[in-house]
Amino acid sequence: MEKRVDKKKKIDIYDITVIGLFTALTFLFTMVNIKLPFGQGGLIHLGNIPLFLGAILFGKKAGSIIGGIGMAMFDVLNGWVTWAPFTLLVVGLMGFTMGAITSKKKTPSQVIIAIIVVLLIKVGGYYITEVILYHNWVAPVISIPGNIMQMVVAGIVTLIMLEPAKKIIALFTDTEW
């Protein structure tokens, strides 16, 4: 399946539809959030779930677009405009990395490895973002537990939903996993 997006030179209507759908799901799942009462008031949200599933199932190019655009669009439309360029880069890299690590094998152990690497990208990327935005090297540390919690929850849900998602996609396509 991921070969459709990652291996072809041209993107067709199927690819645009899949990427658009998962980008919209990432945006909508990011809307389900809890604003943290400490630090700069970051969010814990569910947007990483469709991002992870889309990147695993459709590859690194799709993952980078799904994550970067889906969550940056959330930032722009929900009062976090200053964060949008950083989100585009950090979450785009998260999606690319998730898709790259799981491109050959989509086993639970491979997905767990990808989640750990992506967690490090998120924590490091948003730490650097907060340092840039708030000109403080210490204050961003308070956001790290929320980012870790967000990624652990998304990782667990992704692991639970991956096999059913594969079966659903296989019903509508000629994909074999």
N, C-alpha and C. Protein backbone atom coordinates (compact mmCIF):
# COMPACT_ATOMS: atom_id res chain seq x y z
N MET A 1 0.81 -1.19 0.00
CA MET A 1 0.00 0.00 0.00
C MET A 1 0.86 1.25 0.00
N GLU A 2 1.82 1.33 0.89
CA GLU A 2 2.63 2.53 0.95
C GLU A 2 3.39 2.76 -0.34
N LYS A 3 3.58 1.70 -1.11
CA LYS A 3 4.27 1.84 -2.38
C LYS A 3 3.52 2.78 -3.30
N ARG A 4 2.21 2.85 -3.16
CA ARG A 4 1.42 3.74 -4.00
C ARG A 4 1.92 5.18 -3.87
N VAL A 5 2.15 5.63 -2.66
CA VAL A 5 2.58 7.01 -2.46
C VAL A 5 4.09 7.13 -2.54
N ASP A 6 4.82 6.24 -1.91
CA ASP A 6 6.26 6.39 -1.79
C ASP A 6 7.05 5.98 -3.02
N LYS A 7 6.57 5.06 -3.82
CA LYS A 7 7.37 4.54 -4.92
C LYS A 7 7.00 5.14 -6.28
N LYS A 8 5.84 5.73 -6.39
CA LYS A 8 5.41 6.27 -7.68
C LYS A 8 5.95 7.68 -7.87
N LYS A 9 6.15 8.04 -9.14
CA LYS A 9 6.59 9.40 -9.44
C LYS A 9 5.41 10.35 -9.45
N LYS A 10 4.25 9.85 -9.89
CA LYS A 10 3.06 10.68 -9.95
C LYS A 10 2.10 10.28 -8.83
N ILE A 11 1.46 11.27 -8.26
CA ILE A 11 0.44 11.00 -7.24
C ILE A 11 -0.91 11.05 -7.95
N ASP A 12 -1.73 10.01 -7.76
CA ASP A 12 -3.03 9.97 -8.42
C ASP A 12 -4.14 10.33 -7.44
N ILE A 13 -5.37 10.26 -7.91
CA ILE A 13 -6.51 10.67 -7.11
C ILE A 13 -6.67 9.81 -5.86
N TYR A 14 -6.31 8.53 -5.95
CA TYR A 14 -6.37 7.64 -4.79
C TYR A 14 -5.43 8.17 -3.69
N ASP A 15 -4.21 8.50 -4.06
CA ASP A 15 -3.23 8.99 -3.08
C ASP A 15 -3.70 10.31 -2.46
N ILE A 16 -4.20 11.20 -3.30
CA ILE A 16 -4.69 12.49 -2.81
C ILE A 16 -5.84 12.27 -1.83
N THR A 17 -6.73 11.34 -2.16
CA THR A 17 -7.87 11.06 -1.29
C THR A 17 -7.42 10.49 0.06
N VAL A 18 -6.54 9.51 0.03
CA VAL A 18 -6.05 8.88 1.27
C VAL A 18 -5.32 9.90 2.14
N ILE A 19 -4.42 10.65 1.52
CA ILE A 19 -3.66 11.65 2.28
C ILE A 19 -4.60 12.72 2.82
N GLY A 20 -5.55 13.16 2.01
CA GLY A 20 -6.53 14.16 2.47
C GLY A 20 -7.37 13.65 3.62
N LEU A 21 -7.82 12.40 3.53
CA LEU A 21 -8.63 11.82 4.59
C LEU A 21 -7.85 11.74 5.90
N PHE A 22 -6.63 11.21 5.85
CA PHE A 22 -5.84 11.09 7.08
C PHE A 22 -5.38 12.45 7.61
N THR A 23 -5.16 13.41 6.72
CA THR A 23 -4.84 14.77 7.17
C THR A 23 -6.03 15.37 7.91
N ALA A 24 -7.23 15.19 7.36
CA ALA A 24 -8.44 15.69 8.02
C ALA A 24 -8.66 14.99 9.36
N LEU A 25 -8.43 13.68 9.41
CA LEU A 25 -8.57 12.95 10.67
C LEU A 25 -7.56 13.45 11.71
N THR A 26 -6.34 13.71 11.26
CA THR A 26 -5.32 14.24 12.18
C THR A 26 -5.77 15.58 12.74
N PHE A 27 -6.27 16.45 11.87
CA PHE A 27 -6.78 17.75 12.30
C PHE A 27 -7.92 17.56 13.31
N LEU A 28 -8.90 16.74 12.97
CA LEU A 28 -10.06 16.54 13.84
C LEU A 28 -9.69 15.90 15.17
N PHE A 29 -8.81 14.90 15.15
CA PHE A 29 -8.38 14.24 16.39
C PHE A 29 -7.55 15.19 17.25
N THR A 30 -6.89 16.15 16.64
CA THR A 30 -6.14 17.15 17.42
C THR A 30 -7.11 18.09 18.13
N MET A 31 -8.31 18.23 17.57
CA MET A 31 -9.34 19.06 18.21
C MET A 31 -9.79 18.45 19.55
N VAL A 32 -9.64 17.14 19.70
CA VAL A 32 -9.97 16.47 20.96
C VAL A 32 -8.75 16.61 21.85
N ASN A 33 -8.75 17.65 22.69
CA ASN A 33 -7.54 17.94 23.44
C ASN A 33 -7.84 18.46 24.84
N ILE A 34 -6.81 18.43 25.63
CA ILE A 34 -6.84 19.00 26.98
C ILE A 34 -5.69 19.99 27.05
N LYS A 35 -6.02 21.22 27.41
CA LYS A 35 -4.96 22.22 27.57
C LYS A 35 -4.29 22.00 28.92
N LEU A 36 -2.97 21.92 28.89
CA LEU A 36 -2.22 21.70 30.12
C LEU A 36 -2.22 22.97 30.97
N PRO A 37 -2.42 22.84 32.27
CA PRO A 37 -2.52 24.00 33.15
C PRO A 37 -1.17 24.55 33.61
N PHE A 38 -0.08 24.03 33.09
CA PHE A 38 1.24 24.48 33.53
C PHE A 38 2.09 24.80 32.32
N GLY A 39 3.23 25.39 32.56
CA GLY A 39 4.13 25.76 31.47
C GLY A 39 3.48 26.80 30.58
N GLN A 40 3.66 26.67 29.28
CA GLN A 40 3.08 27.61 28.33
C GLN A 40 1.69 27.17 27.88
N GLY A 41 1.13 26.17 28.55
CA GLY A 41 -0.23 25.74 28.26
C GLY A 41 -0.34 24.91 27.01
N GLY A 42 0.58 23.99 26.78
CA GLY A 42 0.50 23.10 25.63
C GLY A 42 -0.74 22.21 25.68
N LEU A 43 -0.85 21.33 24.71
CA LEU A 43 -2.03 20.47 24.61
C LEU A 43 -1.63 19.00 24.67
N ILE A 44 -2.55 18.22 25.22
CA ILE A 44 -2.50 16.78 25.05
C ILE A 44 -3.68 16.47 24.14
N HIS A 45 -3.42 15.80 23.02
CA HIS A 45 -4.47 15.55 22.04
C HIS A 45 -4.32 14.17 21.42
N LEU A 46 -5.29 13.80 20.59
CA LEU A 46 -5.33 12.48 19.97
C LEU A 46 -4.88 12.49 18.51
N GLY A 47 -4.40 13.62 18.02
CA GLY A 47 -4.03 13.75 16.61
C GLY A 47 -2.92 12.85 16.15
N ASN A 48 -2.10 12.36 17.06
CA ASN A 48 -1.01 11.47 16.67
C ASN A 48 -1.51 10.09 16.25
N ILE A 49 -2.72 9.71 16.63
CA ILE A 49 -3.23 8.38 16.28
C ILE A 49 -3.43 8.25 14.77
N PRO A 50 -4.23 9.12 14.13
CA PRO A 50 -4.35 8.99 12.66
C PRO A 50 -3.03 9.30 11.94
N LEU A 51 -2.21 10.15 12.51
CA LEU A 51 -0.89 10.42 11.94
C LEU A 51 -0.07 9.13 11.90
N PHE A 52 0.01 8.43 13.03
CA PHE A 52 0.78 7.19 13.10
C PHE A 52 0.22 6.15 12.14
N LEU A 53 -1.09 5.94 12.18
CA LEU A 53 -1.70 4.93 11.31
C LEU A 53 -1.49 5.27 9.83
N GLY A 54 -1.67 6.53 9.46
CA GLY A 54 -1.47 6.93 8.08
C GLY A 54 -0.04 6.74 7.62
N ALA A 55 0.91 7.09 8.47
CA ALA A 55 2.33 6.93 8.12
C ALA A 55 2.72 5.46 8.01
N ILE A 56 2.23 4.64 8.93
CA ILE A 56 2.55 3.21 8.91
C ILE A 56 1.94 2.56 7.66
N LEU A 57 0.70 2.87 7.39
CA LEU A 57 -0.02 2.19 6.31
C LEU A 57 0.31 2.73 4.92
N PHE A 58 0.66 4.02 4.82
CA PHE A 58 0.82 4.62 3.50
C PHE A 58 2.20 5.20 3.25
N GLY A 59 3.10 5.14 4.22
CA GLY A 59 4.48 5.49 3.98
C GLY A 59 4.92 6.86 4.46
N LYS A 60 6.21 7.10 4.26
CA LYS A 60 6.86 8.29 4.82
C LYS A 60 6.42 9.59 4.15
N LYS A 61 6.23 9.59 2.85
CA LYS A 61 5.78 10.83 2.19
C LYS A 61 4.38 11.20 2.66
N ALA A 62 3.50 10.20 2.66
CA ALA A 62 2.14 10.44 3.15
C ALA A 62 2.18 10.88 4.62
N GLY A 63 2.98 10.20 5.43
CA GLY A 63 3.08 10.53 6.85
C GLY A 63 3.53 11.96 7.10
N SER A 64 4.50 12.42 6.31
CA SER A 64 4.99 13.78 6.50
C SER A 64 3.91 14.82 6.17
N ILE A 65 3.14 14.55 5.12
CA ILE A 65 2.06 15.48 4.75
C ILE A 65 0.93 15.41 5.76
N ILE A 66 0.52 14.20 6.10
CA ILE A 66 -0.58 14.00 7.06
C ILE A 66 -0.29 14.73 8.37
N GLY A 67 0.88 14.49 8.94
CA GLY A 67 1.22 15.09 10.22
C GLY A 67 1.46 16.58 10.14
N GLY A 68 2.34 16.96 9.22
CA GLY A 68 2.71 18.38 9.13
C GLY A 68 1.52 19.27 8.82
N ILE A 69 0.77 18.93 7.77
CA ILE A 69 -0.36 19.77 7.36
C ILE A 69 -1.51 19.66 8.35
N GLY A 70 -1.84 18.43 8.78
CA GLY A 70 -2.97 18.24 9.69
C GLY A 70 -2.84 19.02 10.98
N MET A 71 -1.68 18.95 11.60
CA MET A 71 -1.51 19.63 12.89
C MET A 71 -1.18 21.11 12.72
N ALA A 72 -0.49 21.49 11.66
CA ALA A 72 -0.25 22.92 11.42
C ALA A 72 -1.57 23.63 11.11
N MET A 73 -2.46 22.94 10.40
CA MET A 73 -3.77 23.50 10.12
C MET A 73 -4.54 23.71 11.43
N PHE A 74 -4.43 22.77 12.34
CA PHE A 74 -5.04 22.94 13.66
C PHE A 74 -4.49 24.20 14.33
N ASP A 75 -3.17 24.36 14.32
CA ASP A 75 -2.56 25.53 14.95
C ASP A 75 -3.10 26.83 14.36
N VAL A 76 -3.15 26.91 13.03
CA VAL A 76 -3.59 28.13 12.35
C VAL A 76 -5.04 28.45 12.69
N LEU A 77 -5.90 27.45 12.73
CA LEU A 77 -7.33 27.67 12.92
C LEU A 77 -7.77 27.73 14.39
N ASN A 78 -6.84 27.53 15.32
CA ASN A 78 -7.22 27.49 16.73
C ASN A 78 -6.37 28.39 17.63
N GLY A 79 -5.82 29.44 17.07
CA GLY A 79 -5.13 30.43 17.88
C GLY A 79 -3.69 30.13 18.23
N TRP A 80 -3.08 29.17 17.56
CA TRP A 80 -1.69 28.81 17.82
C TRP A 80 -0.83 29.14 16.60
N VAL A 81 -1.14 30.20 15.90
CA VAL A 81 -0.52 30.52 14.61
C VAL A 81 1.00 30.58 14.70
N THR A 82 1.53 31.12 15.78
CA THR A 82 2.98 31.22 15.94
C THR A 82 3.63 29.83 15.92
N TRP A 83 2.91 28.84 16.37
CA TRP A 83 3.44 27.48 16.44
C TRP A 83 3.38 26.76 15.11
N ALA A 84 2.54 27.20 14.18
CA ALA A 84 2.27 26.46 12.94
C ALA A 84 3.52 26.10 12.13
N PRO A 85 4.46 27.02 11.88
CA PRO A 85 5.64 26.62 11.10
C PRO A 85 6.48 25.54 11.81
N PHE A 86 6.57 25.65 13.13
CA PHE A 86 7.33 24.66 13.90
C PHE A 86 6.61 23.30 13.86
N THR A 87 5.29 23.34 14.00
CA THR A 87 4.50 22.12 13.94
C THR A 87 4.64 21.47 12.58
N LEU A 88 4.58 22.27 11.53
CA LEU A 88 4.74 21.74 10.17
C LEU A 88 6.05 20.95 10.06
N LEU A 89 7.12 21.52 10.59
CA LEU A 89 8.43 20.86 10.51
C LEU A 89 8.54 19.67 11.46
N VAL A 90 8.22 19.88 12.73
CA VAL A 90 8.41 18.82 13.74
C VAL A 90 7.49 17.63 13.45
N VAL A 91 6.21 17.91 13.26
CA VAL A 91 5.26 16.81 13.07
C VAL A 91 5.41 16.21 11.67
N GLY A 92 5.78 17.02 10.69
CA GLY A 92 6.10 16.46 9.38
C GLY A 92 7.25 15.48 9.47
N LEU A 93 8.28 15.83 10.23
CA LEU A 93 9.40 14.91 10.44
C LEU A 93 8.98 13.67 11.22
N MET A 94 8.08 13.84 12.16
CA MET A 94 7.56 12.69 12.91
C MET A 94 6.86 11.71 11.96
N GLY A 95 6.00 12.23 11.09
CA GLY A 95 5.29 11.37 10.14
C GLY A 95 6.22 10.69 9.16
N PHE A 96 7.20 11.44 8.66
CA PHE A 96 8.19 10.87 7.75
C PHE A 96 8.95 9.74 8.43
N THR A 97 9.39 9.98 9.65
CA THR A 97 10.17 9.00 10.39
C THR A 97 9.35 7.75 10.70
N MET A 98 8.11 7.94 11.13
CA MET A 98 7.24 6.80 11.42
C MET A 98 7.08 5.94 10.17
N GLY A 99 6.82 6.58 9.04
CA GLY A 99 6.66 5.84 7.79
C GLY A 99 7.95 5.17 7.33
N ALA A 100 9.08 5.83 7.52
CA ALA A 100 10.36 5.27 7.09
C ALA A 100 10.73 4.04 7.92
N ILE A 101 10.56 4.13 9.22
CA ILE A 101 10.95 3.02 10.10
C ILE A 101 10.05 1.81 9.89
N THR A 102 8.79 2.02 9.57
CA THR A 102 7.86 0.90 9.41
C THR A 102 7.65 0.53 7.94
N SER A 103 8.48 1.03 7.05
CA SER A 103 8.26 0.77 5.63
C SER A 103 8.47 -0.69 5.24
N LYS A 104 9.39 -1.37 5.85
CA LYS A 104 9.68 -2.77 5.51
C LYS A 104 8.85 -3.74 6.35
N LYS A 105 8.75 -3.45 7.66
CA LYS A 105 8.02 -4.33 8.56
C LYS A 105 7.03 -3.49 9.38
N LYS A 106 5.81 -4.01 9.49
CA LYS A 106 4.78 -3.33 10.27
C LYS A 106 4.41 -4.16 11.49
N THR A 107 5.41 -4.81 12.06
CA THR A 107 5.20 -5.65 13.24
C THR A 107 5.08 -4.76 14.47
N PRO A 108 4.45 -5.26 15.52
CA PRO A 108 4.35 -4.48 16.75
C PRO A 108 5.71 -3.99 17.26
N SER A 109 6.74 -4.85 17.20
CA SER A 109 8.05 -4.42 17.70
C SER A 109 8.63 -3.30 16.84
N GLN A 110 8.43 -3.36 15.52
CA GLN A 110 8.92 -2.30 14.64
C GLN A 110 8.15 -1.00 14.90
N VAL A 111 6.85 -1.11 15.13
CA VAL A 111 6.03 0.08 15.43
C VAL A 111 6.48 0.69 16.76
N ILE A 112 6.77 -0.14 17.75
CA ILE A 112 7.23 0.38 19.05
C ILE A 112 8.56 1.12 18.88
N ILE A 113 9.47 0.57 18.10
CA ILE A 113 10.74 1.27 17.83
C ILE A 113 10.46 2.62 17.19
N ALA A 114 9.56 2.64 16.20
CA ALA A 114 9.22 3.89 15.52
C ALA A 114 8.61 4.90 16.49
N ILE A 115 7.74 4.43 17.36
CA ILE A 115 7.10 5.33 18.34
C ILE A 115 8.15 5.95 19.26
N ILE A 116 9.11 5.16 19.69
CA ILE A 116 10.17 5.69 20.57
C ILE A 116 10.99 6.76 19.85
N VAL A 117 11.36 6.48 18.61
CA VAL A 117 12.15 7.47 17.85
C VAL A 117 11.33 8.73 17.62
N VAL A 118 10.06 8.56 17.26
CA VAL A 118 9.19 9.71 17.01
C VAL A 118 8.95 10.50 18.30
N LEU A 119 8.85 9.80 19.42
CA LEU A 119 8.73 10.47 20.71
C LEU A 119 9.93 11.39 20.95
N LEU A 120 11.11 10.90 20.64
CA LEU A 120 12.32 11.72 20.81
C LEU A 120 12.30 12.95 19.90
N ILE A 121 11.81 12.77 18.67
CA ILE A 121 11.69 13.91 17.75
C ILE A 121 10.71 14.93 18.30
N LYS A 122 9.56 14.45 18.80
CA LYS A 122 8.55 15.37 19.35
C LYS A 122 9.09 16.13 20.55
N VAL A 123 9.65 15.41 21.51
CA VAL A 123 10.16 16.06 22.72
C VAL A 123 11.27 17.05 22.37
N GLY A 124 12.23 16.61 21.56
CA GLY A 124 13.33 17.49 21.18
C GLY A 124 12.87 18.66 20.32
N GLY A 125 12.01 18.37 19.35
CA GLY A 125 11.54 19.42 18.44
C GLY A 125 10.74 20.49 19.15
N TYR A 126 9.84 20.08 20.03
CA TYR A 126 9.04 21.08 20.74
C TYR A 126 9.82 21.75 21.87
N TYR A 127 10.81 21.09 22.42
CA TYR A 127 11.69 21.75 23.39
C TYR A 127 12.42 22.90 22.68
N ILE A 128 13.01 22.61 21.53
CA ILE A 128 13.72 23.65 20.76
C ILE A 128 12.75 24.76 20.35
N THR A 129 11.55 24.37 19.93
CA THR A 129 10.54 25.36 19.55
C THR A 129 10.24 26.31 20.70
N GLU A 130 10.04 25.76 21.89
CA GLU A 130 9.74 26.61 23.05
C GLU A 130 10.93 27.48 23.43
N VAL A 131 12.13 26.96 23.30
CA VAL A 131 13.32 27.79 23.56
C VAL A 131 13.32 28.98 22.61
N ILE A 132 13.04 28.74 21.34
CA ILE A 132 13.03 29.82 20.34
C ILE A 132 11.90 30.81 20.64
N LEU A 133 10.70 30.30 20.91
CA LEU A 133 9.55 31.19 21.10
C LEU A 133 9.59 31.94 22.43
N TYR A 134 10.11 31.32 23.48
CA TYR A 134 10.06 31.93 24.81
C TYR A 134 11.41 32.38 25.33
N HIS A 135 12.47 32.18 24.54
CA HIS A 135 13.82 32.65 24.92
C HIS A 135 14.23 32.18 26.30
N ASN A 136 13.98 30.91 26.58
CA ASN A 136 14.28 30.37 27.90
C ASN A 136 14.63 28.89 27.73
N TRP A 137 15.75 28.47 28.29
CA TRP A 137 16.20 27.09 28.17
C TRP A 137 15.60 26.18 29.24
N VAL A 138 15.08 26.76 30.32
CA VAL A 138 14.60 25.95 31.44
C VAL A 138 13.08 25.73 31.37
N ALA A 139 12.33 26.76 31.07
CA ALA A 139 10.86 26.67 31.08
C ALA A 139 10.30 25.54 30.21
N PRO A 140 10.87 25.26 29.03
CA PRO A 140 10.30 24.19 28.19
C PRO A 140 10.35 22.79 28.81
N VAL A 141 11.16 22.60 29.82
CA VAL A 141 11.27 21.28 30.46
C VAL A 141 9.92 20.83 31.00
N ILE A 142 9.09 21.78 31.42
CA ILE A 142 7.80 21.41 32.02
C ILE A 142 6.84 20.80 30.99
N SER A 143 7.08 21.02 29.71
CA SER A 143 6.22 20.46 28.65
C SER A 143 6.56 19.01 28.32
N ILE A 144 7.71 18.56 28.72
CA ILE A 144 8.17 17.23 28.34
C ILE A 144 7.24 16.11 28.84
N PRO A 145 6.81 16.10 30.11
CA PRO A 145 5.91 15.02 30.55
C PRO A 145 4.62 14.94 29.74
N GLY A 146 4.03 16.08 29.40
CA GLY A 146 2.80 16.08 28.59
C GLY A 146 3.04 15.52 27.20
N ASN A 147 4.18 15.88 26.59
CA ASN A 147 4.51 15.34 25.27
C ASN A 147 4.72 13.83 25.33
N ILE A 148 5.38 13.38 26.38
CA ILE A 148 5.61 11.93 26.53
C ILE A 148 4.28 11.20 26.72
N MET A 149 3.41 11.74 27.59
CA MET A 149 2.12 11.12 27.84
C MET A 149 1.30 11.04 26.55
N GLN A 150 1.30 12.12 25.80
CA GLN A 150 0.57 12.16 24.53
C GLN A 150 1.05 11.07 23.57
N MET A 151 2.35 10.89 23.47
CA MET A 151 2.92 9.91 22.56
C MET A 151 2.68 8.48 23.03
N VAL A 152 2.74 8.24 24.33
CA VAL A 152 2.50 6.90 24.87
C VAL A 152 1.05 6.49 24.61
N VAL A 153 0.11 7.39 24.89
CA VAL A 153 -1.31 7.09 24.63
C VAL A 153 -1.53 6.82 23.14
N ALA A 154 -1.01 7.69 22.28
CA ALA A 154 -1.17 7.50 20.83
C ALA A 154 -0.52 6.19 20.38
N GLY A 155 0.63 5.86 20.95
CA GLY A 155 1.31 4.63 20.59
C GLY A 155 0.51 3.40 20.96
N ILE A 156 -0.06 3.40 22.16
CA ILE A 156 -0.86 2.25 22.61
C ILE A 156 -2.10 2.09 21.72
N VAL A 157 -2.80 3.18 21.47
CA VAL A 157 -4.01 3.11 20.64
C VAL A 157 -3.64 2.67 19.22
N THR A 158 -2.54 3.17 18.69
CA THR A 158 -2.09 2.77 17.35
C THR A 158 -1.82 1.28 17.29
N LEU A 159 -1.13 0.76 18.27
CA LEU A 159 -0.83 -0.68 18.30
C LEU A 159 -2.12 -1.51 18.36
N ILE A 160 -3.11 -1.02 19.09
CA ILE A 160 -4.39 -1.73 19.18
C ILE A 160 -5.15 -1.66 17.85
N MET A 161 -5.09 -0.52 17.17
CA MET A 161 -5.89 -0.29 15.97
C MET A 161 -5.22 -0.73 14.67
N LEU A 162 -3.93 -1.03 14.70
CA LEU A 162 -3.20 -1.30 13.46
C LEU A 162 -3.74 -2.50 12.69
N GLU A 163 -3.92 -3.63 13.34
CA GLU A 163 -4.40 -4.83 12.63
C GLU A 163 -5.81 -4.63 12.09
N PRO A 164 -6.75 -4.09 12.89
CA PRO A 164 -8.08 -3.83 12.32
C PRO A 164 -8.03 -2.85 11.14
N ALA A 165 -7.17 -1.84 11.23
CA ALA A 165 -7.05 -0.87 10.13
C ALA A 165 -6.53 -1.55 8.86
N LYS A 166 -5.56 -2.44 9.00
CA LYS A 166 -5.05 -3.19 7.85
C LYS A 166 -6.17 -4.00 7.19
N LYS A 167 -6.99 -4.65 8.01
CA LYS A 167 -8.08 -5.47 7.48
C LYS A 167 -9.12 -4.62 6.76
N ILE A 168 -9.43 -3.47 7.32
CA ILE A 168 -10.41 -2.58 6.69
C ILE A 168 -9.89 -2.09 5.35
N ILE A 169 -8.64 -1.68 5.30
CA ILE A 169 -8.07 -1.19 4.05
C ILE A 169 -8.00 -2.32 3.02
N ALA A 170 -7.67 -3.53 3.46
CA ALA A 170 -7.60 -4.67 2.56
C ALA A 170 -8.97 -4.98 1.94
N LEU A 171 -10.05 -4.69 2.66
CA LEU A 171 -11.39 -4.91 2.12
C LEU A 171 -11.66 -4.04 0.89
N PHE A 172 -11.09 -2.85 0.86
CA PHE A 172 -11.38 -1.89 -0.19
C PHE A 172 -10.28 -1.79 -1.25
N THR A 173 -9.19 -2.50 -1.03
CA THR A 173 -8.07 -2.43 -1.98
C THR A 173 -7.55 -3.85 -2.21
N ASP A 174 -6.58 -3.95 -3.06
CA ASP A 174 -5.97 -5.25 -3.31
C ASP A 174 -4.67 -5.41 -2.51
N THR A 175 -4.60 -4.74 -1.38
CA THR A 175 -3.39 -4.73 -0.57
C THR A 175 -3.27 -5.99 0.28
N GLU A 176 -2.08 -6.54 0.27
CA GLU A 176 -1.76 -7.64 1.18
C GLU A 176 -0.64 -7.15 2.10
N TRP A 177 -0.80 -7.39 3.38
CA TRP A 177 0.19 -6.91 4.35
C TRP A 177 1.13 -8.00 4.62
